[in-house]
N, C-alpha and C. Protein backbone atom coordinates (compact mmCIF):
# COMPACT_ATOMS: atom_id res chain seq x y z
N MET A 1 12.55 -53.09 24.43
CA MET A 1 13.15 -54.53 24.75
C MET A 1 12.15 -55.57 24.70
N HIS A 2 12.46 -56.72 24.15
CA HIS A 2 11.53 -57.83 24.06
C HIS A 2 11.41 -58.31 25.48
N PRO A 3 10.21 -58.94 26.05
CA PRO A 3 10.16 -59.27 27.25
C PRO A 3 11.05 -60.59 27.53
N ASN A 4 11.49 -61.29 26.54
CA ASN A 4 12.59 -62.54 26.70
C ASN A 4 13.87 -61.95 26.74
N ALA A 5 14.27 -60.90 26.10
CA ALA A 5 15.55 -60.06 26.29
C ALA A 5 15.56 -59.65 27.65
N ALA A 6 14.62 -59.16 28.20
CA ALA A 6 14.56 -58.45 29.44
C ALA A 6 14.60 -59.76 30.50
N LEU A 7 14.14 -60.93 30.23
CA LEU A 7 14.29 -62.05 31.11
C LEU A 7 15.71 -62.45 30.99
N ILE A 8 16.31 -62.50 30.13
CA ILE A 8 17.80 -62.85 30.08
C ILE A 8 18.50 -61.88 30.92
N ARG A 9 18.35 -60.42 30.66
CA ARG A 9 19.00 -59.41 31.47
C ARG A 9 18.70 -59.58 32.99
N ARG A 10 17.55 -60.09 33.35
CA ARG A 10 17.18 -60.27 34.75
C ARG A 10 17.98 -61.45 35.11
N PHE A 11 18.13 -62.50 34.43
CA PHE A 11 19.00 -63.79 34.70
C PHE A 11 20.40 -63.29 35.04
N TYR A 12 21.00 -62.63 34.09
CA TYR A 12 22.36 -62.27 34.34
C TYR A 12 22.54 -61.07 35.38
N ASP A 13 21.58 -60.06 35.74
CA ASP A 13 21.78 -59.49 36.80
C ASP A 13 21.70 -60.07 38.10
N ALA A 14 20.81 -61.09 38.18
CA ALA A 14 20.90 -61.97 39.35
C ALA A 14 22.07 -62.64 39.47
N PHE A 15 22.73 -63.20 38.34
CA PHE A 15 23.90 -63.94 38.59
C PHE A 15 25.12 -62.95 38.96
N ALA A 16 25.07 -61.68 38.45
CA ALA A 16 26.11 -60.73 38.92
C ALA A 16 25.90 -60.44 40.51
N ALA A 17 24.62 -60.39 40.93
CA ALA A 17 24.32 -60.13 42.31
C ALA A 17 24.61 -61.45 43.28
N LEU A 18 25.06 -62.45 42.55
CA LEU A 18 25.12 -63.92 43.21
C LEU A 18 23.69 -64.20 44.07
N ASP A 19 22.64 -64.15 43.20
CA ASP A 19 21.30 -64.21 43.70
C ASP A 19 20.74 -65.56 42.95
N ALA A 20 21.03 -66.67 43.38
CA ALA A 20 20.64 -67.98 42.81
C ALA A 20 19.12 -68.17 42.69
N GLU A 21 18.51 -67.50 43.78
CA GLU A 21 17.13 -67.64 43.77
C GLU A 21 16.38 -66.85 42.72
N GLY A 22 17.00 -65.76 42.33
CA GLY A 22 16.71 -64.66 41.37
C GLY A 22 16.85 -65.61 39.94
N MET A 23 17.93 -66.20 39.94
CA MET A 23 18.28 -66.93 38.69
C MET A 23 17.24 -67.78 38.45
N LYS A 24 16.92 -68.67 39.39
CA LYS A 24 16.08 -69.79 39.35
C LYS A 24 14.59 -69.48 39.04
N ALA A 25 14.37 -68.22 39.34
CA ALA A 25 12.92 -67.74 38.96
C ALA A 25 13.02 -67.44 37.71
N CYS A 26 13.93 -67.36 36.84
CA CYS A 26 13.92 -67.18 35.42
C CYS A 26 13.70 -68.38 34.76
N TYR A 27 13.78 -69.41 35.39
CA TYR A 27 13.81 -70.89 34.79
C TYR A 27 12.52 -71.45 34.76
N HIS A 28 11.95 -72.19 33.80
CA HIS A 28 10.74 -73.00 33.74
C HIS A 28 10.99 -74.14 34.58
N PRO A 29 10.05 -74.61 35.17
CA PRO A 29 10.26 -75.90 36.04
C PRO A 29 10.84 -77.06 35.35
N ASP A 30 10.59 -77.25 33.94
CA ASP A 30 11.27 -78.29 33.16
C ASP A 30 12.44 -77.80 32.52
N VAL A 31 13.16 -76.85 32.94
CA VAL A 31 14.35 -76.38 32.18
C VAL A 31 15.38 -77.47 31.95
N VAL A 32 15.86 -77.37 30.84
CA VAL A 32 16.99 -78.21 30.48
C VAL A 32 18.44 -77.21 30.23
N PHE A 33 19.23 -77.48 31.11
CA PHE A 33 20.58 -76.62 30.98
C PHE A 33 21.78 -77.53 30.47
N SER A 34 22.33 -77.18 29.59
CA SER A 34 23.61 -77.94 29.13
C SER A 34 24.87 -77.05 28.99
N ASP A 35 26.06 -77.69 29.33
CA ASP A 35 27.26 -77.12 29.62
C ASP A 35 28.35 -78.09 29.60
N PRO A 36 29.65 -77.78 28.97
CA PRO A 36 30.60 -78.85 29.04
C PRO A 36 31.20 -79.20 30.47
N ALA A 37 31.04 -78.37 31.30
CA ALA A 37 31.47 -78.62 32.73
C ALA A 37 30.61 -79.48 33.45
N PHE A 38 29.29 -79.18 33.27
CA PHE A 38 28.20 -79.77 34.26
C PHE A 38 27.32 -80.69 33.32
N GLY A 39 27.51 -80.98 31.99
CA GLY A 39 26.68 -81.83 31.23
C GLY A 39 25.35 -81.38 31.28
N GLU A 40 24.17 -82.18 31.08
CA GLU A 40 22.94 -81.73 30.89
C GLU A 40 22.04 -81.96 32.25
N LEU A 41 21.67 -80.95 32.71
CA LEU A 41 21.06 -80.70 33.91
C LEU A 41 19.43 -80.45 33.82
N HIS A 42 18.40 -81.07 34.53
CA HIS A 42 17.05 -81.00 34.28
C HIS A 42 16.55 -80.35 35.60
N GLY A 43 15.48 -79.41 35.22
CA GLY A 43 14.53 -78.95 36.37
C GLY A 43 15.55 -78.08 37.41
N ALA A 44 15.13 -78.86 38.86
CA ALA A 44 15.73 -78.35 39.95
C ALA A 44 17.31 -78.56 39.92
N GLN A 45 18.00 -79.63 39.15
CA GLN A 45 19.32 -79.84 39.02
C GLN A 45 19.90 -78.47 38.59
N ALA A 46 19.46 -77.72 37.73
CA ALA A 46 20.01 -76.79 37.08
C ALA A 46 20.02 -75.57 38.13
N GLY A 47 18.90 -75.30 38.91
CA GLY A 47 18.91 -74.36 39.98
C GLY A 47 19.78 -74.84 41.10
N ALA A 48 20.03 -75.98 41.36
CA ALA A 48 20.99 -76.55 42.45
C ALA A 48 22.51 -76.11 41.87
N MET A 49 22.85 -76.22 40.68
CA MET A 49 24.13 -75.84 40.23
C MET A 49 24.26 -74.47 40.40
N TRP A 50 23.42 -73.49 40.24
CA TRP A 50 23.60 -72.07 40.27
C TRP A 50 23.72 -71.71 41.83
N THR A 51 22.90 -72.40 42.82
CA THR A 51 22.98 -72.16 44.13
C THR A 51 24.34 -72.73 44.60
N MET A 52 25.01 -73.68 44.08
CA MET A 52 26.33 -73.93 44.44
C MET A 52 27.36 -73.07 43.98
N LEU A 53 27.21 -72.65 42.72
CA LEU A 53 28.07 -71.68 42.16
C LEU A 53 28.17 -70.30 42.82
N THR A 54 27.07 -69.83 43.07
CA THR A 54 26.99 -68.62 43.72
C THR A 54 27.32 -68.49 45.00
N GLY A 55 27.05 -69.61 45.81
CA GLY A 55 27.27 -69.81 47.16
C GLY A 55 28.93 -70.03 47.57
N ARG A 56 29.54 -70.39 46.41
CA ARG A 56 31.01 -70.68 46.65
C ARG A 56 31.86 -69.40 46.13
N ALA A 57 31.11 -68.60 45.38
CA ALA A 57 31.98 -67.40 44.53
C ALA A 57 32.52 -66.45 45.61
N LYS A 58 33.67 -66.00 45.39
CA LYS A 58 34.19 -65.03 46.40
C LYS A 58 34.47 -63.62 45.69
N ASP A 59 34.98 -63.64 44.47
CA ASP A 59 35.35 -62.48 43.70
C ASP A 59 34.77 -62.61 42.27
N LEU A 60 33.75 -63.19 42.05
CA LEU A 60 32.93 -63.46 40.76
C LEU A 60 32.57 -62.17 40.31
N GLU A 61 32.76 -61.77 39.12
CA GLU A 61 32.10 -60.60 38.39
C GLU A 61 31.45 -61.09 37.07
N VAL A 62 30.36 -60.93 36.82
CA VAL A 62 29.48 -61.31 35.68
C VAL A 62 29.15 -60.14 34.85
N THR A 63 29.39 -59.99 33.60
CA THR A 63 29.01 -59.13 32.75
C THR A 63 28.26 -59.33 31.51
N ALA A 64 27.06 -59.22 31.22
CA ALA A 64 26.31 -59.79 30.12
C ALA A 64 26.30 -58.63 29.11
N SER A 65 26.28 -59.12 27.79
CA SER A 65 26.26 -58.13 26.71
C SER A 65 25.55 -58.78 25.63
N ASP A 66 25.34 -58.15 24.35
CA ASP A 66 24.70 -58.59 23.14
C ASP A 66 23.46 -59.62 23.47
N ILE A 67 22.67 -58.98 24.28
CA ILE A 67 21.55 -59.73 24.51
C ILE A 67 20.36 -59.57 23.60
N GLU A 68 19.84 -60.60 23.01
CA GLU A 68 18.78 -60.51 21.85
C GLU A 68 17.86 -61.59 22.13
N ALA A 69 16.50 -61.43 21.89
CA ALA A 69 15.73 -62.46 21.97
C ALA A 69 14.35 -62.12 21.20
N ASP A 70 13.72 -63.25 20.72
CA ASP A 70 12.19 -63.10 20.16
C ASP A 70 11.31 -63.94 21.10
N ASP A 71 10.34 -64.09 20.56
CA ASP A 71 9.29 -65.04 21.13
C ASP A 71 9.80 -66.52 21.42
N GLN A 72 10.53 -67.07 20.70
CA GLN A 72 11.07 -68.31 20.86
C GLN A 72 12.47 -68.60 21.36
N ARG A 73 13.41 -67.89 20.82
CA ARG A 73 14.83 -67.87 21.15
C ARG A 73 15.46 -66.61 21.46
N GLY A 74 16.68 -67.15 22.28
CA GLY A 74 17.40 -65.74 22.55
C GLY A 74 18.89 -66.14 22.68
N ARG A 75 19.69 -65.26 22.84
CA ARG A 75 21.07 -65.23 23.07
C ARG A 75 21.73 -64.28 23.77
N ALA A 76 23.01 -64.60 24.35
CA ALA A 76 23.74 -63.40 25.19
C ALA A 76 25.05 -63.99 25.12
N HIS A 77 25.86 -62.94 25.30
CA HIS A 77 27.33 -63.08 25.49
C HIS A 77 27.73 -62.77 27.18
N TRP A 78 28.45 -63.63 27.61
CA TRP A 78 28.68 -62.93 29.22
C TRP A 78 30.23 -63.30 29.51
N ASP A 79 30.77 -62.54 30.27
CA ASP A 79 32.03 -62.93 30.64
C ASP A 79 32.05 -63.03 32.24
N ALA A 80 32.85 -63.89 32.69
CA ALA A 80 32.87 -64.24 34.12
C ALA A 80 34.31 -63.93 34.45
N ARG A 81 34.68 -63.22 35.58
CA ARG A 81 36.03 -62.93 36.03
C ARG A 81 36.09 -63.45 37.37
N TYR A 82 37.08 -64.20 37.88
CA TYR A 82 36.95 -64.71 39.35
C TYR A 82 38.58 -65.20 39.38
N THR A 83 38.81 -65.79 40.71
CA THR A 83 40.06 -66.16 41.08
C THR A 83 39.91 -67.71 41.12
N PHE A 84 40.60 -68.44 40.54
CA PHE A 84 40.50 -70.01 40.49
C PHE A 84 41.05 -70.27 41.76
N GLY A 85 40.11 -71.00 42.80
CA GLY A 85 40.55 -71.19 44.11
C GLY A 85 41.71 -72.11 44.31
N GLN A 86 42.07 -73.17 43.54
CA GLN A 86 42.98 -74.07 43.69
C GLN A 86 44.59 -73.73 43.30
N THR A 87 44.38 -72.50 42.36
CA THR A 87 45.79 -71.87 42.04
C THR A 87 45.89 -70.37 42.31
N GLY A 88 44.86 -69.69 42.71
CA GLY A 88 44.96 -68.34 43.05
C GLY A 88 45.00 -67.48 41.65
N ARG A 89 44.97 -68.13 40.32
CA ARG A 89 45.03 -67.40 39.23
C ARG A 89 43.77 -66.67 38.92
N LYS A 90 43.89 -65.56 38.25
CA LYS A 90 42.91 -64.72 37.75
C LYS A 90 42.20 -65.47 36.47
N VAL A 91 40.93 -65.60 36.43
CA VAL A 91 40.30 -66.18 35.19
C VAL A 91 39.35 -65.48 34.62
N LEU A 92 39.33 -65.46 33.24
CA LEU A 92 38.35 -64.55 32.40
C LEU A 92 37.64 -65.84 31.48
N ASN A 93 36.43 -65.89 31.70
CA ASN A 93 35.53 -67.00 30.84
C ASN A 93 34.72 -65.98 29.98
N ARG A 94 34.59 -66.25 28.72
CA ARG A 94 33.82 -65.73 27.74
C ARG A 94 33.08 -66.57 27.10
N ILE A 95 31.54 -66.29 27.35
CA ILE A 95 30.84 -67.42 26.94
C ILE A 95 29.61 -66.96 26.35
N ASP A 96 29.34 -67.70 25.01
CA ASP A 96 28.11 -67.26 24.31
C ASP A 96 26.94 -68.34 24.69
N ALA A 97 25.99 -67.78 25.14
CA ALA A 97 24.72 -68.90 25.52
C ALA A 97 23.48 -68.76 24.82
N ALA A 98 22.85 -69.69 24.54
CA ALA A 98 21.57 -69.52 23.71
C ALA A 98 20.53 -69.99 24.76
N PHE A 99 19.36 -69.66 24.39
CA PHE A 99 17.94 -69.85 25.13
C PHE A 99 16.89 -70.03 24.46
N GLU A 100 16.12 -71.05 24.88
CA GLU A 100 14.62 -71.35 24.36
C GLU A 100 13.68 -70.83 25.37
N PHE A 101 12.48 -70.49 24.92
CA PHE A 101 11.59 -69.90 26.07
C PHE A 101 10.12 -70.84 26.09
N ARG A 102 9.67 -70.92 27.28
CA ARG A 102 8.09 -71.31 27.24
C ARG A 102 7.43 -70.76 28.47
N ASP A 103 6.25 -70.30 28.35
CA ASP A 103 5.53 -69.86 29.10
C ASP A 103 6.28 -68.56 29.92
N GLY A 104 6.80 -67.81 29.23
CA GLY A 104 7.63 -66.44 29.64
C GLY A 104 8.80 -66.91 30.62
N LEU A 105 9.21 -68.27 30.37
CA LEU A 105 10.55 -68.36 31.19
C LEU A 105 11.54 -69.27 30.30
N ILE A 106 12.71 -69.31 30.82
CA ILE A 106 13.72 -70.03 30.13
C ILE A 106 13.48 -71.54 30.15
N ILE A 107 13.20 -72.34 29.17
CA ILE A 107 13.07 -73.68 29.14
C ILE A 107 14.27 -74.41 28.77
N ARG A 108 15.27 -73.80 27.98
CA ARG A 108 16.47 -74.55 27.60
C ARG A 108 17.68 -73.39 27.60
N GLN A 109 18.82 -73.94 28.05
CA GLN A 109 20.04 -72.98 28.06
C GLN A 109 21.15 -73.64 27.73
N GLY A 110 22.06 -73.14 26.90
CA GLY A 110 23.27 -73.87 26.61
C GLY A 110 24.08 -73.11 25.60
N SER A 111 24.94 -73.70 24.84
CA SER A 111 25.67 -73.03 23.89
C SER A 111 24.93 -73.09 22.71
N PRO A 112 24.98 -72.00 21.72
CA PRO A 112 24.41 -71.92 20.56
C PRO A 112 24.41 -73.32 19.88
N ALA A 113 25.59 -74.06 19.73
CA ALA A 113 25.75 -75.30 19.12
C ALA A 113 24.81 -76.38 19.68
N ASP A 114 24.65 -76.43 20.95
CA ASP A 114 23.59 -77.27 21.76
C ASP A 114 22.32 -77.02 21.35
N LEU A 115 22.02 -75.68 21.18
CA LEU A 115 20.34 -75.43 21.09
C LEU A 115 20.18 -75.25 19.42
N ILE A 116 21.06 -74.98 18.56
CA ILE A 116 20.79 -74.83 17.13
C ILE A 116 21.49 -75.75 16.30
N GLY A 117 22.31 -76.63 17.10
CA GLY A 117 22.94 -77.51 16.18
C GLY A 117 24.24 -76.88 15.38
N ASP A 118 24.61 -77.44 14.39
CA ASP A 118 25.86 -76.95 13.66
C ASP A 118 25.71 -75.87 12.83
N THR A 119 24.78 -75.01 12.98
CA THR A 119 24.57 -73.89 12.29
C THR A 119 25.89 -72.93 12.27
N PRO A 120 26.39 -72.57 11.19
CA PRO A 120 27.61 -71.85 11.24
C PRO A 120 27.38 -70.61 11.78
N THR A 121 28.41 -69.92 12.55
CA THR A 121 28.07 -68.88 13.14
C THR A 121 28.41 -67.25 12.37
N THR A 122 28.83 -67.60 11.16
CA THR A 122 29.28 -66.56 10.42
C THR A 122 28.88 -66.65 9.15
N GLU A 123 28.34 -65.50 8.40
CA GLU A 123 28.05 -65.54 6.90
C GLU A 123 28.73 -64.40 6.21
N ILE A 124 29.35 -64.81 5.11
CA ILE A 124 29.87 -64.04 4.14
C ILE A 124 28.95 -63.76 2.94
N ARG A 125 28.42 -62.47 2.86
CA ARG A 125 27.52 -62.27 1.84
C ARG A 125 28.11 -61.20 0.65
N TYR A 126 27.79 -61.28 -0.47
CA TYR A 126 28.17 -60.56 -1.55
C TYR A 126 27.28 -60.76 -2.62
N VAL A 127 27.48 -59.94 -3.76
CA VAL A 127 26.81 -60.02 -5.09
C VAL A 127 27.69 -60.44 -6.18
N ARG A 128 27.39 -61.42 -6.98
CA ARG A 128 28.24 -61.89 -8.15
C ARG A 128 27.33 -61.96 -9.30
N ASP A 129 27.74 -61.16 -10.34
CA ASP A 129 26.90 -61.34 -11.63
C ASP A 129 25.44 -61.09 -11.32
N GLY A 130 25.04 -60.15 -10.41
CA GLY A 130 23.88 -59.55 -10.11
C GLY A 130 23.05 -60.57 -9.13
N GLU A 131 23.80 -61.48 -8.66
CA GLU A 131 22.94 -62.64 -7.69
C GLU A 131 23.52 -62.42 -6.36
N LYS A 132 22.56 -62.72 -5.39
CA LYS A 132 23.19 -62.41 -4.11
C LYS A 132 23.75 -63.74 -3.64
N VAL A 133 24.85 -63.94 -3.09
CA VAL A 133 25.45 -65.02 -2.65
C VAL A 133 25.80 -65.01 -1.12
N VAL A 134 25.31 -65.94 -0.39
CA VAL A 134 25.59 -66.03 0.94
C VAL A 134 26.45 -67.51 1.22
N VAL A 135 27.55 -67.20 1.93
CA VAL A 135 28.32 -68.42 2.40
C VAL A 135 28.35 -68.47 3.92
N ALA A 136 27.77 -69.47 4.29
CA ALA A 136 27.86 -69.81 5.84
C ALA A 136 28.93 -70.61 6.25
N THR A 137 29.61 -70.08 7.19
CA THR A 137 30.94 -70.77 7.45
C THR A 137 31.27 -70.91 9.01
N ALA A 138 31.84 -71.95 9.57
CA ALA A 138 32.54 -71.81 10.96
C ALA A 138 33.96 -71.27 10.89
N GLU A 139 34.38 -71.16 9.60
CA GLU A 139 35.90 -70.66 9.32
C GLU A 139 35.73 -69.41 8.51
N PRO A 140 35.34 -68.49 9.08
CA PRO A 140 35.19 -67.08 8.09
C PRO A 140 36.46 -66.47 7.58
N THR A 141 37.59 -66.55 8.26
CA THR A 141 39.05 -66.07 7.72
C THR A 141 39.29 -66.88 6.61
N LYS A 142 39.26 -68.13 6.68
CA LYS A 142 39.76 -69.12 5.59
C LYS A 142 38.78 -68.76 4.41
N ALA A 143 37.45 -68.86 4.52
CA ALA A 143 36.56 -68.73 3.47
C ALA A 143 36.71 -67.21 2.86
N LEU A 144 36.91 -66.30 3.67
CA LEU A 144 37.00 -65.06 3.05
C LEU A 144 38.34 -64.92 2.27
N ASN A 145 39.32 -65.48 2.71
CA ASN A 145 40.59 -65.37 1.86
C ASN A 145 40.34 -66.28 0.84
N GLU A 146 39.65 -67.31 0.68
CA GLU A 146 39.54 -68.06 -0.65
C GLU A 146 38.73 -67.27 -1.62
N LEU A 147 37.68 -66.86 -0.99
CA LEU A 147 36.80 -66.01 -1.98
C LEU A 147 37.74 -64.74 -2.60
N THR A 148 38.39 -63.85 -1.63
CA THR A 148 39.07 -62.74 -2.24
C THR A 148 40.22 -63.16 -3.23
N ASN A 149 40.93 -64.38 -2.96
CA ASN A 149 41.78 -64.74 -3.73
C ASN A 149 41.25 -65.23 -5.20
N GLU A 150 40.07 -65.82 -5.29
CA GLU A 150 39.55 -66.12 -6.43
C GLU A 150 38.87 -64.86 -7.06
N ALA A 151 38.54 -63.79 -6.50
CA ALA A 151 38.12 -62.68 -7.25
C ALA A 151 39.09 -61.88 -7.73
N LEU A 152 40.34 -61.75 -7.02
CA LEU A 152 41.58 -61.10 -7.36
C LEU A 152 42.10 -61.75 -8.69
N ALA A 153 42.09 -63.00 -8.62
CA ALA A 153 42.61 -63.81 -9.68
C ALA A 153 41.93 -63.76 -11.05
N SER A 154 40.61 -63.51 -10.85
CA SER A 154 39.62 -63.45 -12.23
C SER A 154 39.32 -61.91 -12.22
N GLY A 155 39.86 -60.89 -11.56
CA GLY A 155 39.69 -59.66 -11.91
C GLY A 155 38.02 -59.08 -11.59
N GLN A 156 37.53 -59.66 -10.75
CA GLN A 156 36.15 -59.45 -10.24
C GLN A 156 36.13 -58.81 -8.87
N GLU A 157 35.00 -57.95 -8.65
CA GLU A 157 34.87 -57.31 -7.40
C GLU A 157 33.85 -58.19 -6.68
N LEU A 158 33.88 -58.36 -5.40
CA LEU A 158 33.07 -59.04 -4.55
C LEU A 158 31.92 -57.69 -4.04
N GLU A 159 31.02 -57.50 -4.84
CA GLU A 159 30.26 -56.26 -4.61
C GLU A 159 29.37 -56.50 -3.42
N GLN A 160 29.13 -55.38 -2.58
CA GLN A 160 28.30 -55.37 -1.51
C GLN A 160 28.80 -56.38 -0.30
N LEU A 161 30.13 -56.62 -0.26
CA LEU A 161 30.72 -57.52 0.62
C LEU A 161 30.33 -57.29 2.03
N GLU A 162 29.99 -58.25 2.67
CA GLU A 162 29.48 -58.09 3.96
C GLU A 162 29.99 -59.52 4.77
N VAL A 163 30.38 -59.35 6.24
CA VAL A 163 30.63 -60.39 6.77
C VAL A 163 29.97 -60.26 8.33
N ARG A 164 29.05 -61.17 8.63
CA ARG A 164 28.23 -60.89 9.82
C ARG A 164 27.66 -62.23 10.35
N ARG A 165 27.43 -62.32 11.67
CA ARG A 165 26.72 -63.24 12.26
C ARG A 165 25.37 -63.21 11.93
N PRO A 166 24.69 -64.49 11.75
CA PRO A 166 23.21 -64.53 11.53
C PRO A 166 22.56 -63.88 12.70
N SER A 167 21.48 -63.19 12.26
CA SER A 167 20.37 -62.72 13.37
C SER A 167 19.68 -63.74 13.76
N LEU A 168 18.85 -63.71 15.01
CA LEU A 168 18.13 -64.77 15.70
C LEU A 168 16.85 -64.94 14.62
N GLU A 169 16.56 -63.96 13.73
CA GLU A 169 15.45 -64.24 12.87
C GLU A 169 15.93 -65.27 11.71
N ASP A 170 17.26 -64.87 11.25
CA ASP A 170 17.95 -65.72 10.20
C ASP A 170 18.02 -67.10 10.65
N VAL A 171 18.42 -67.38 12.01
CA VAL A 171 18.52 -68.69 12.37
C VAL A 171 17.26 -69.36 12.54
N TYR A 172 16.26 -68.76 13.02
CA TYR A 172 14.98 -69.33 13.17
C TYR A 172 14.46 -69.57 11.78
N LEU A 173 14.40 -68.90 10.65
CA LEU A 173 14.05 -69.06 9.38
C LEU A 173 14.80 -70.04 8.69
N GLU A 174 16.01 -70.33 9.15
CA GLU A 174 16.73 -71.60 8.65
C GLU A 174 16.19 -72.71 9.22
N LEU A 175 15.95 -72.75 10.56
CA LEU A 175 15.53 -73.91 11.23
C LEU A 175 14.02 -74.22 10.78
N VAL A 176 13.19 -73.43 10.38
CA VAL A 176 12.00 -73.76 9.82
C VAL A 176 11.91 -74.02 8.43
N GLY A 177 12.97 -73.76 7.75
CA GLY A 177 13.01 -74.02 6.27
C GLY A 177 12.49 -73.03 5.39
N GLU A 178 12.33 -71.63 5.75
CA GLU A 178 12.01 -70.76 5.05
C GLU A 178 13.31 -69.67 4.59
N GLU A 179 13.15 -69.17 3.53
CA GLU A 179 14.34 -68.38 3.10
C GLU A 179 14.42 -66.98 3.63
N THR A 180 15.53 -66.42 3.94
CA THR A 180 15.69 -65.02 4.15
C THR A 180 15.51 -64.37 2.83
N GLU A 181 15.24 -62.89 2.94
CA GLU A 181 15.20 -62.03 1.75
C GLU A 181 16.61 -62.00 1.14
């Protein structure tokens, strides 16, 4: 496991244990955290938010999965189950998080869109007339429907058809302007 993937795992293990100090230990002193509910928090503000949230939690269950990281970036999916205090209703939040690292610690944390911009989250790949085609889209169902309708209408096959999320390496190479294979 990459050291930064292990760092993300430690962060979420601490979260699951309601250990705000363990979570804060994963952050660089200059961390920037962004979230729709809390806005953009800097440095100690991010740690204070986790202290507040873990201190108030009564039945919070956190489960992290799909953790990936390289030397510069990482991502994870996490689910939070809890009872909303004002209504007593059970809540399940499903969250995708993205990370950037400096000096072996998390320097930025937020949604993938916050950290990597408007990079589409799904790619549709196929071969047409011997040429590899990659369609990047935020609406994969619609794009795939259009592609298959066109292929059926023209009697063509979408050879080697694949639908997938870009890997961290793909996103990194896109950001630095280099092509993937």
